[in-house]
PDB file of N, CA and C in Angstrom:
ATOM      1  N   THR A   1     -26.132  43.345 181.792  1.00  0.00           N
ATOM      2  CA  THR A   1     -25.710  43.748 180.465  1.00  0.00           C
ATOM      3  C   THR A   1     -25.457  45.247 180.461  1.00  0.00           C
ATOM      4  N   GLN A   2     -24.278  45.651 180.070  1.00  0.00           N
ATOM      5  CA  GLN A   2     -23.951  47.070 179.991  1.00  0.00           C
ATOM      6  C   GLN A   2     -24.369  47.601 178.627  1.00  0.00           C
ATOM      7  N   ILE A   3     -25.011  48.779 178.622  1.00  0.00           N
ATOM      8  CA  ILE A   3     -25.369  49.428 177.370  1.00  0.00           C
ATOM      9  C   ILE A   3     -24.672  50.775 177.311  1.00  0.00           C
ATOM     10  N   LYS A   4     -24.204  51.134 176.110  1.00  0.00           N
ATOM     11  CA  LYS A   4     -23.505  52.408 175.963  1.00  0.00           C
ATOM     12  C   LYS A   4     -23.579  52.849 174.507  1.00  0.00           C
ATOM     13  N   ILE A   5     -24.004  54.095 174.300  1.00  0.00           N
ATOM     14  CA  ILE A   5     -24.038  54.701 172.971  1.00  0.00           C
ATOM     15  C   ILE A   5     -23.463  56.108 173.111  1.00  0.00           C
ATOM     16  N   ASN A   6     -22.247  56.280 172.677  1.00  0.00           N
ATOM     17  CA  ASN A   6     -21.581  57.575 172.828  1.00  0.00           C
ATOM     18  C   ASN A   6     -22.306  58.695 172.085  1.00  0.00           C
ATOM     19  N   LYS A   7     -22.878  58.383 170.927  1.00  0.00           N
ATOM     20  CA  LYS A   7     -23.537  59.386 170.075  1.00  0.00           C
ATOM     21  C   LYS A   7     -24.598  60.207 170.830  1.00  0.00           C
ATOM     22  N   VAL A   8     -25.317  59.576 171.765  1.00  0.00           N
ATOM     23  CA  VAL A   8     -26.357  60.268 172.535  1.00  0.00           C
ATOM     24  C   VAL A   8     -26.067  60.238 174.043  1.00  0.00           C
ATOM     25  N   SER A   9     -24.815  60.007 174.392  1.00  0.00           N
ATOM     26  CA  SER A   9     -24.381  59.952 175.801  1.00  0.00           C
ATOM     27  C   SER A   9     -25.279  59.042 176.632  1.00  0.00           C
ATOM     28  N   LEU A  10     -25.578  57.870 176.098  1.00  0.00           N
ATOM     29  CA  LEU A  10     -26.450  56.906 176.782  1.00  0.00           C
ATOM     30  C   LEU A  10     -25.599  55.810 177.401  1.00  0.00           C
ATOM     31  N   SER A  11     -25.889  55.496 178.658  1.00  0.00           N
ATOM     32  CA  SER A  11     -25.191  54.402 179.327  1.00  0.00           C
ATOM     33  C   SER A  11     -26.044  53.877 180.468  1.00  0.00           C
ATOM     34  N   GLY A  12     -25.804  52.641 180.837  1.00  0.00           N
ATOM     35  CA  GLY A  12     -26.519  52.036 181.951  1.00  0.00           C
ATOM     36  C   GLY A  12     -26.273  50.544 181.999  1.00  0.00           C
ATOM     37  N   ILE A  13     -26.876  49.910 182.976  1.00  0.00           N
ATOM     38  CA  ILE A  13     -26.740  48.463 183.161  1.00  0.00           C
ATOM     39  C   ILE A  13     -28.139  47.873 183.287  1.00  0.00           C
ATOM     40  N   ILE A  14     -28.401  46.814 182.524  1.00  0.00           N
ATOM     41  CA  ILE A  14     -29.670  46.096 182.625  1.00  0.00           C
ATOM     42  C   ILE A  14     -29.427  44.831 183.436  1.00  0.00           C
ATOM     43  N   ARG A  15     -30.182  44.680 184.520  1.00  0.00           N
ATOM     44  CA  ARG A  15     -30.064  43.495 185.373  1.00  0.00           C
ATOM     45  C   ARG A  15     -31.408  42.779 185.448  1.00  0.00           C
ATOM     46  N   ILE A  16     -31.338  41.463 185.404  1.00  0.00           N
ATOM     47  CA  ILE A  16     -32.546  40.656 185.585  1.00  0.00           C
ATOM     48  C   ILE A  16     -32.880  40.657 187.066  1.00  0.00           C
ATOM     49  N   LEU A  17     -34.092  41.090 187.410  1.00  0.00           N
ATOM     50  CA  LEU A  17     -34.527  41.143 188.807  1.00  0.00           C
ATOM     51  C   LEU A  17     -35.380  39.929 189.179  1.00  0.00           C
ATOM     52  N   SER A  18     -36.200  39.475 188.230  1.00  0.00           N
ATOM     53  CA  SER A  18     -37.060  38.306 188.450  1.00  0.00           C
ATOM     54  C   SER A  18     -37.442  37.755 187.085  1.00  0.00           C
ATOM     55  N   VAL A  19     -38.273  36.739 187.055  1.00  0.00           N
ATOM     56  CA  VAL A  19     -38.684  36.170 185.768  1.00  0.00           C
ATOM     57  C   VAL A  19     -39.580  37.120 184.990  1.00  0.00           C
ATOM     58  N   THR A  20     -40.088  38.164 185.638  1.00  0.00           N
ATOM     59  CA  THR A  20     -40.973  39.110 184.945  1.00  0.00           C
ATOM     60  C   THR A  20     -40.552  40.569 185.110  1.00  0.00           C
ATOM     61  N   SER A  21     -39.285  40.809 185.425  1.00  0.00           N
ATOM     62  CA  SER A  21     -38.840  42.205 185.547  1.00  0.00           C
ATOM     63  C   SER A  21     -37.328  42.327 185.375  1.00  0.00           C
ATOM     64  N   VAL A  22     -36.933  43.508 184.901  1.00  0.00           N
ATOM     65  CA  VAL A  22     -35.522  43.858 184.824  1.00  0.00           C
ATOM     66  C   VAL A  22     -35.353  45.252 185.414  1.00  0.00           C
ATOM     67  N   GLY A  23     -34.140  45.542 185.832  1.00  0.00           N
ATOM     68  CA  GLY A  23     -33.812  46.870 186.314  1.00  0.00           C
ATOM     69  C   GLY A  23     -32.869  47.548 185.341  1.00  0.00           C
ATOM     70  N   LEU A  24     -33.059  48.826 185.141  1.00  0.00           N
ATOM     71  CA  LEU A  24     -32.142  49.644 184.358  1.00  0.00           C
ATOM     72  C   LEU A  24     -31.452  50.547 185.371  1.00  0.00           C
ATOM     73  N   GLU A  25     -30.175  50.286 185.621  1.00  0.00           N
ATOM     74  CA  GLU A  25     -29.448  50.962 186.693  1.00  0.00           C
ATOM     75  C   GLU A  25     -28.454  51.976 186.142  1.00  0.00           C
ATOM     76  N   SER A  26     -28.222  53.024 186.910  1.00  0.00           N
ATOM     77  CA  SER A  26     -27.244  54.063 186.561  1.00  0.00           C
ATOM     78  C   SER A  26     -27.460  54.555 185.126  1.00  0.00           C
ATOM     79  N   PHE A  27     -28.718  54.750 184.755  1.00  0.00           N
ATOM     80  CA  PHE A  27     -29.055  55.109 183.385  1.00  0.00           C
ATOM     81  C   PHE A  27     -28.886  56.599 183.153  1.00  0.00           C
ATOM     82  N   SER A  28     -28.110  56.923 182.141  1.00  0.00           N
ATOM     83  CA  SER A  28     -27.914  58.308 181.730  1.00  0.00           C
ATOM     84  C   SER A  28     -28.130  58.412 180.229  1.00  0.00           C
ATOM     85  N   TYR A  29     -28.679  59.542 179.809  1.00  0.00           N
ATOM     86  CA  TYR A  29     -28.983  59.787 178.393  1.00  0.00           C
ATOM     87  C   TYR A  29     -29.192  61.280 178.231  1.00  0.00           C
ATOM     88  N   ASN A  30     -28.658  61.859 177.146  1.00  0.00           N
ATOM     89  CA  ASN A  30     -28.732  63.310 176.986  1.00  0.00           C
ATOM     90  C   ASN A  30     -30.051  63.818 176.403  1.00  0.00           C
ATOM     91  N   GLY A  31     -30.952  62.927 175.982  1.00  0.00           N
ATOM     92  CA  GLY A  31     -32.247  63.339 175.467  1.00  0.00           C
ATOM     93  C   GLY A  31     -32.209  63.906 174.059  1.00  0.00           C
ATOM     94  N   GLN A  32     -31.105  63.732 173.343  1.00  0.00           N
ATOM     95  CA  GLN A  32     -30.924  64.378 172.046  1.00  0.00           C
ATOM     96  C   GLN A  32     -31.457  63.602 170.843  1.00  0.00           C
ATOM     97  N   CYS A  33     -31.833  62.354 170.996  1.00  0.00           N
ATOM     98  CA  CYS A  33     -32.471  61.623 169.893  1.00  0.00           C
ATOM     99  C   CYS A  33     -33.914  62.134 169.827  1.00  0.00           C
ATOM    100  N   PRO A  34     -34.416  62.510 168.650  1.00  0.00           N
ATOM    101  CA  PRO A  34     -35.772  63.078 168.582  1.00  0.00           C
ATOM    102  C   PRO A  34     -36.847  62.188 169.227  1.00  0.00           C
ATOM    103  N   ALA A  35     -36.689  60.897 169.120  1.00  0.00           N
ATOM    104  CA  ALA A  35     -37.612  59.948 169.756  1.00  0.00           C
ATOM    105  C   ALA A  35     -36.863  58.631 169.868  1.00  0.00           C
ATOM    106  N   PHE A  36     -36.827  58.061 171.061  1.00  0.00           N
ATOM    107  CA  PHE A  36     -36.080  56.820 171.195  1.00  0.00           C
ATOM    108  C   PHE A  36     -36.905  55.770 171.916  1.00  0.00           C
ATOM    109  N   ALA A  37     -36.506  54.522 171.726  1.00  0.00           N
ATOM    110  CA  ALA A  37     -37.184  53.413 172.392  1.00  0.00           C
ATOM    111  C   ALA A  37     -36.144  52.406 172.843  1.00  0.00           C
ATOM    112  N   ILE A  38     -36.350  51.886 174.049  1.00  0.00           N
ATOM    113  CA  ILE A  38     -35.544  50.784 174.573  1.00  0.00           C
ATOM    114  C   ILE A  38     -36.520  49.646 174.821  1.00  0.00           C
ATOM    115  N   TYR A  39     -36.163  48.442 174.374  1.00  0.00           N
ATOM    116  CA  TYR A  39     -37.052  47.310 174.601  1.00  0.00           C
ATOM    117  C   TYR A  39     -36.277  46.000 174.561  1.00  0.00           C
ATOM    118  N   LEU A  40     -36.892  44.969 175.132  1.00  0.00           N
ATOM    119  CA  LEU A  40     -36.323  43.634 175.073  1.00  0.00           C
ATOM    120  C   LEU A  40     -36.952  42.897 173.903  1.00  0.00           C
ATOM    121  N   THR A  41     -36.135  42.082 173.247  1.00  0.00           N
ATOM    122  CA  THR A  41     -36.558  41.360 172.056  1.00  0.00           C
ATOM    123  C   THR A  41     -35.950  39.958 172.070  1.00  0.00           C
ATOM    124  N   ARG A  42     -36.117  39.241 170.999  1.00  0.00           N
ATOM    125  CA  ARG A  42     -35.564  37.889 170.886  1.00  0.00           C
ATOM    126  C   ARG A  42     -34.702  37.807 169.638  1.00  0.00           C
ATOM    127  N   SER A  43     -33.551  37.146 169.770  1.00  0.00           N
ATOM    128  CA  SER A  43     -32.644  36.891 168.639  1.00  0.00           C
ATOM    129  C   SER A  43     -32.233  38.171 167.903  1.00  0.00           C
ATOM    130  N   ASN A  44     -32.033  39.251 168.654  1.00  0.00           N
ATOM    131  CA  ASN A  44     -31.602  40.540 168.097  1.00  0.00           C
ATOM    132  C   ASN A  44     -32.556  41.084 167.037  1.00  0.00           C
ATOM    133  N   ASN A  45     -33.822  40.675 167.077  1.00  0.00           N
ATOM    134  CA  ASN A  45     -34.813  41.115 166.100  1.00  0.00           C
ATOM    135  C   ASN A  45     -35.344  42.487 166.502  1.00  0.00           C
ATOM    136  N   THR A  46     -34.877  43.537 165.834  1.00  0.00           N
ATOM    137  CA  THR A  46     -35.266  44.891 166.212  1.00  0.00           C
ATOM    138  C   THR A  46     -36.723  45.208 165.880  1.00  0.00           C
ATOM    139  N   ALA A  47     -37.374  44.375 165.077  1.00  0.00           N
ATOM    140  CA  ALA A  47     -38.786  44.602 164.734  1.00  0.00           C
ATOM    141  C   ALA A  47     -39.738  43.945 165.733  1.00  0.00           C
ATOM    142  N   LEU A  48     -39.221  43.112 166.619  1.00  0.00           N
ATOM    143  CA  LEU A  48     -40.042  42.361 167.573  1.00  0.00           C
ATOM    144  C   LEU A  48     -39.924  42.989 168.966  1.00  0.00           C
ATOM    145  N   VAL A  49     -40.931  43.770 169.357  1.00  0.00           N
ATOM    146  CA  VAL A  49     -40.924  44.437 170.662  1.00  0.00           C
ATOM    147  C   VAL A  49     -41.686  43.561 171.650  1.00  0.00           C
ATOM    148  N   LEU A  50     -40.972  42.844 172.518  1.00  0.00           N
ATOM    149  CA  LEU A  50     -41.617  41.971 173.494  1.00  0.00           C
ATOM    150  C   LEU A  50     -41.844  42.682 174.827  1.00  0.00           C
ATOM    151  N   VAL A  51     -40.874  43.471 175.262  1.00  0.00           N
ATOM    152  CA  VAL A  51     -40.979  44.188 176.532  1.00  0.00           C
ATOM    153  C   VAL A  51     -40.540  45.634 176.320  1.00  0.00           C
ATOM    154  N   PRO A  52     -41.488  46.547 176.051  1.00  0.00           N
ATOM    155  CA  PRO A  52     -41.118  47.956 175.897  1.00  0.00           C
ATOM    156  C   PRO A  52     -40.801  48.589 177.248  1.00  0.00           C
ATOM    157  N   PHE A  53     -39.819  49.457 177.278  1.00  0.00           N
ATOM    158  CA  PHE A  53     -39.481  50.147 178.522  1.00  0.00           C
ATOM    159  C   PHE A  53     -40.380  51.358 178.752  1.00  0.00           C
ATOM    160  N   ASN A  54     -41.068  51.849 177.710  1.00  0.00           N
ATOM    161  CA  ASN A  54     -42.018  52.968 177.826  1.00  0.00           C
ATOM    162  C   ASN A  54     -41.423  54.162 178.577  1.00  0.00           C
ATOM    163  N   MET A  55     -40.278  54.601 178.113  1.00  0.00           N
ATOM    164  CA  MET A  55     -39.593  55.712 178.768  1.00  0.00           C
ATOM    165  C   MET A  55     -39.899  57.027 178.076  1.00  0.00           C
ATOM    166  N   THR A  56     -39.914  58.100 178.840  1.00  0.00           N
ATOM    167  CA  THR A  56     -40.095  59.441 178.305  1.00  0.00           C
ATOM    168  C   THR A  56     -38.787  59.899 177.677  1.00  0.00           C
ATOM    169  N   ASN A  57     -38.873  60.534 176.511  1.00  0.00           N
ATOM    170  CA  ASN A  57     -37.672  61.050 175.858  1.00  0.00           C
ATOM    171  C   ASN A  57     -37.276  62.360 176.530  1.00  0.00           C
ATOM    172  N   ARG A  58     -36.382  62.229 177.493  1.00  0.00           N
ATOM    173  CA  ARG A  58     -35.873  63.373 178.251  1.00  0.00           C
ATOM    174  C   ARG A  58     -34.465  63.027 178.707  1.00  0.00           C
ATOM    175  N   ALA A  59     -33.778  63.961 179.271  1.00  0.00           N
ATOM    176  CA  ALA A  59     -32.449  63.688 179.813  1.00  0.00           C
ATOM    177  C   ALA A  59     -32.581  62.882 181.110  1.00  0.00           C
ATOM    178  N   TYR A  60     -31.715  61.894 181.278  1.00  0.00           N
ATOM    179  CA  TYR A  60     -31.626  61.086 182.499  1.00  0.00           C
ATOM    180  C   TYR A  60     -30.207  61.223 183.024  1.00  0.00           C
ATOM    181  N   ASN A  61     -30.049  61.260 184.328  1.00  0.00           N
ATOM    182  CA  ASN A  61     -28.730  61.387 184.922  1.00  0.00           C
ATOM    183  C   ASN A  61     -28.540  60.359 186.021  1.00  0.00           C
ATOM    184  N   SER A  62     -27.962  59.235 185.675  1.00  0.00           N
ATOM    185  CA  SER A  62     -27.656  58.155 186.617  1.00  0.00           C
ATOM    186  C   SER A  62     -28.891  57.708 187.410  1.00  0.00           C
ATOM    187  N   GLU A  63     -29.996  57.476 186.699  1.00  0.00           N
ATOM    188  CA  GLU A  63     -31.254  57.076 187.331  1.00  0.00           C
ATOM    189  C   GLU A  63     -31.436  55.555 187.271  1.00  0.00           C
ATOM    190  N   SER A  64     -32.245  55.026 188.169  1.00  0.00           N
ATOM    191  CA  SER A  64     -32.567  53.602 188.184  1.00  0.00           C
ATOM    192  C   SER A  64     -34.066  53.427 187.969  1.00  0.00           C
ATOM    193  N   LEU A  65     -34.419  52.487 187.100  1.00  0.00           N
ATOM    194  CA  LEU A  65     -35.810  52.231 186.751  1.00  0.00           C
ATOM    195  C   LEU A  65     -36.080  50.730 186.795  1.00  0.00           C
ATOM    196  N   LYS A  66     -37.307  50.361 187.081  1.00  0.00           N
ATOM    197  CA  LYS A  66     -37.710  48.961 187.070  1.00  0.00           C
ATOM    198  C   LYS A  66     -38.736  48.776 185.953  1.00  0.00           C
ATOM    199  N   VAL A  67     -38.556  47.726 185.160  1.00  0.00           N
ATOM    200  CA  VAL A  67     -39.458  47.440 184.046  1.00  0.00           C
ATOM    201  C   VAL A  67     -40.157  46.107 184.314  1.00  0.00           C
ATOM    202  N   ILE A  68     -41.485  46.150 184.372  1.00  0.00           N
ATOM    203  CA  ILE A  68     -42.298  44.949 184.566  1.00  0.00           C
ATOM    204  C   ILE A  68     -42.746  44.446 183.197  1.00  0.00           C
ATOM    205  N   PHE A  69     -42.593  43.168 182.958  1.00  0.00           N
ATOM    206  CA  PHE A  69     -42.951  42.589 181.671  1.00  0.00           C
ATOM    207  C   PHE A  69     -44.462  42.566 181.480  1.00  0.00           C
ATOM    208  N   PRO A  70     -44.914  42.650 180.220  1.00  0.00           N
ATOM    209  CA  PRO A  70     -46.349  42.501 179.951  1.00  0.00           C
ATOM    210  C   PRO A  70     -46.826  41.110 180.393  1.00  0.00           C
ATOM    211  N   GLN A  71     -48.102  41.006 180.723  1.00  0.00           N
ATOM    212  CA  GLN A  71     -48.665  39.737 181.165  1.00  0.00           C
ATOM    213  C   GLN A  71     -48.400  38.654 180.116  1.00  0.00           C
ATOM    214  N   GLY A  72     -47.972  37.491 180.571  1.00  0.00           N
ATOM    215  CA  GLY A  72     -47.712  36.361 179.684  1.00  0.00           C
ATOM    216  C   GLY A  72     -46.296  36.313 179.126  1.00  0.00           C
ATOM    217  N   THR A  73     -45.464  37.307 179.443  1.00  0.00           N
ATOM    218  CA  THR A  73     -44.079  37.347 178.966  1.00  0.00           C
ATOM    219  C   THR A  73     -43.150  37.150 180.154  1.00  0.00           C
ATOM    220  N   THR A  74     -42.132  36.301 179.984  1.00  0.00           N
ATOM    221  CA  THR A  74     -41.137  36.076 181.034  1.00  0.00           C
ATOM    222  C   THR A  74     -39.740  36.277 180.461  1.00  0.00           C
ATOM    223  N   ILE A  75     -38.756  36.238 181.322  1.00  0.00           N
ATOM    224  CA  ILE A  75     -37.363  36.399 180.908  1.00  0.00           C
ATOM    225  C   ILE A  75     -36.965  35.310 179.911  1.00  0.00           C
ATOM    226  N   ASN A  76     -37.646  34.169 179.936  1.00  0.00           N
ATOM    227  CA  ASN A  76     -37.339  33.088 178.998  1.00  0.00           C
ATOM    228  C   ASN A  76     -37.756  33.419 177.565  1.00  0.00           C
ATOM    229  N   ASP A  77     -38.579  34.448 177.391  1.00  0.00           N
ATOM    230  CA  ASP A  77     -39.051  34.843 176.061  1.00  0.00           C
ATOM    231  C   ASP A  77     -38.131  35.846 175.377  1.00  0.00           C
ATOM    232  N   VAL A  78     -37.191  36.418 176.115  1.00  0.00           N
ATOM    233  CA  VAL A  78     -36.327  37.468 175.576  1.00  0.00           C
ATOM    234  C   VAL A  78     -34.861  37.098 175.754  1.00  0.00           C
ATOM    235  N   ASP A  79     -34.007  37.637 174.900  1.00  0.00           N
ATOM    236  CA  ASP A  79     -32.574  37.406 175.069  1.00  0.00           C
ATOM    237  C   ASP A  79     -31.720  38.587 174.593  1.00  0.00           C
ATOM    238  N   SER A  80     -32.381  39.685 174.180  1.00  0.00           N
ATOM    239  CA  SER A  80     -31.643  40.825 173.647  1.00  0.00           C
ATOM    240  C   SER A  80     -32.303  42.134 174.073  1.00  0.00           C
ATOM    241  N   VAL A  81     -31.483  43.187 174.105  1.00  0.00           N
ATOM    242  CA  VAL A  81     -32.001  44.539 174.320  1.00  0.00           C
ATOM    243  C   VAL A  81     -31.729  45.324 173.041  1.00  0.00           C
ATOM    244  N   ALA A  82     -32.701  46.143 172.642  1.00  0.00           N
ATOM    245  CA  ALA A  82     -32.541  46.992 171.461  1.00  0.00           C
ATOM    246  C   ALA A  82     -32.841  48.437 171.847  1.00  0.00           C
ATOM    247  N   ILE A  83     -32.086  49.337 171.256  1.00  0.00           N
ATOM    248  CA  ILE A  83     -32.323  50.762 171.434  1.00  0.00           C
ATOM    249  C   ILE A  83     -32.417  51.361 170.037  1.00  0.00           C
ATOM    250  N   ILE A  84     -33.534  52.046 169.777  1.00  0.00           N
ATOM    251  CA  ILE A  84     -33.817  52.549 168.434  1.00  0.00           C
ATOM    252  C   ILE A  84     -34.186  54.024 168.506  1.00  0.00           C
ATOM    253  N   CYS A  85     -33.751  54.762 167.507  1.00  0.00           N
ATOM    254  CA  CYS A  85     -34.197  56.133 167.322  1.00  0.00           C
ATOM    255  C   CYS A  85     -35.478  56.037 166.497  1.00  0.00           C
ATOM    256  N   ASN A  86     -36.615  56.314 167.087  1.00  0.00           N
ATOM    257  CA  ASN A  86     -37.902  56.098 166.423  1.00  0.00           C
ATOM    258  C   ASN A  86     -38.110  56.941 165.173  1.00  0.00           C
ATOM    259  N   ASP A  87     -37.456  58.080 165.076  1.00  0.00           N
ATOM    260  CA  ASP A  87     -37.654  58.909 163.890  1.00  0.00           C
ATOM    261  C   ASP A  87     -37.057  58.269 162.637  1.00  0.00           C
ATOM    262  N   THR A  88     -35.967  57.544 162.789  1.00  0.00           N
ATOM    263  CA  THR A  88     -35.319  56.894 161.646  1.00  0.00           C
ATOM    264  C   THR A  88     -35.514  55.387 161.663  1.00  0.00           C
ATOM    265  N   LYS A  89     -35.967  54.844 162.784  1.00  0.00           N
ATOM    266  CA  LYS A  89     -36.104  53.391 162.999  1.00  0.00           C
ATOM    267  C   LYS A  89     -34.762  52.663 162.912  1.00  0.00           C
ATOM    268  N   GLU A  90     -33.682  53.417 162.983  1.00  0.00           N
ATOM    269  CA  GLU A  90     -32.357  52.810 162.928  1.00  0.00           C
ATOM    270  C   GLU A  90     -31.945  52.330 164.314  1.00  0.00           C
ATOM    271  N   PRO A  91     -31.489  51.079 164.411  1.00  0.00           N
ATOM    272  CA  PRO A  91     -31.000  50.614 165.716  1.00  0.00           C
ATOM    273  C   PRO A  91     -29.725  51.349 166.099  1.00  0.00           C
ATOM    274  N   LEU A  92     -29.718  51.891 167.292  1.00  0.00           N
ATOM    275  CA  LEU A  92     -28.502  52.490 167.824  1.00  0.00           C
ATOM    276  C   LEU A  92     -27.659  51.428 168.512  1.00  0.00           C
ATOM    277  N   LEU A  93     -28.345  50.395 169.027  1.00  0.00           N
ATOM    278  CA  LEU A  93     -27.664  49.314 169.731  1.00  0.00           C
ATOM    279  C   LEU A  93     -28.562  48.096 169.785  1.00  0.00           C
ATOM    280  N   VAL A  94     -28.000  46.936 169.557  1.00  0.00           N
ATOM    281  CA  VAL A  94     -28.679  45.665 169.786  1.00  0.00           C
ATOM    282  C   VAL A  94     -27.647  44.789 170.489  1.00  0.00           C
ATOM    283  N   GLU A  95     -27.990  44.352 171.683  1.00  0.00           N
ATOM    284  CA  GLU A  95     -27.020  43.623 172.513  1.00  0.00           C
ATOM    285  C   GLU A  95     -27.688  42.422 173.165  1.00  0.00           C
ATOM    286  N   ARG A  96     -26.989  41.307 173.221  1.00  0.00           N
ATOM    287  CA  ARG A  96     -27.483  40.128 173.909  1.00  0.00           C
ATOM    288  C   ARG A  96     -27.503  40.372 175.410  1.00  0.00           C
ATOM    289  N   LEU A  97     -28.549  39.950 176.085  1.00  0.00           N
ATOM    290  CA  LEU A  97     -28.602  40.039 177.545  1.00  0.00           C
ATOM    291  C   LEU A  97     -27.541  39.110 178.117  1.00  0.00           C
ATOM    292  N   GLY A  98     -26.927  39.541 179.198  1.00  0.00           N
ATOM    293  CA  GLY A  98     -25.918  38.718 179.853  1.00  0.00           C
ATOM    294  C   GLY A  98     -24.531  38.893 179.293  1.00  0.00           C
ATOM    295  N   GLN A  99     -24.358  39.773 178.313  1.00  0.00           N
ATOM    296  CA  GLN A  99     -23.052  39.992 177.715  1.00  0.00           C
ATOM    297  C   GLN A  99     -22.247  40.973 178.534  1.00  0.00           C
TER     298      GLN A  99
END
């Protein structure tokens, strides 16, 4: 799944690596959102955080990261990625996995 938000120069690709992990590849972000969160959810529900990426709010330049799911959660429990600016709680992006 490709993610892209021009407003904060965010881009990358989310790939399923296993039933309990995903990779965030070629991830870039300018660090300009006061506080941001990327997480996996179900049915585009931005209030339901199933797999938080727990990323530091800083600039990233074409980096690759691996995200391990919390115990008891598998890829079958999620179907969407959400990116939110935590200061406003406004979704910057909600995208179905596999799109």
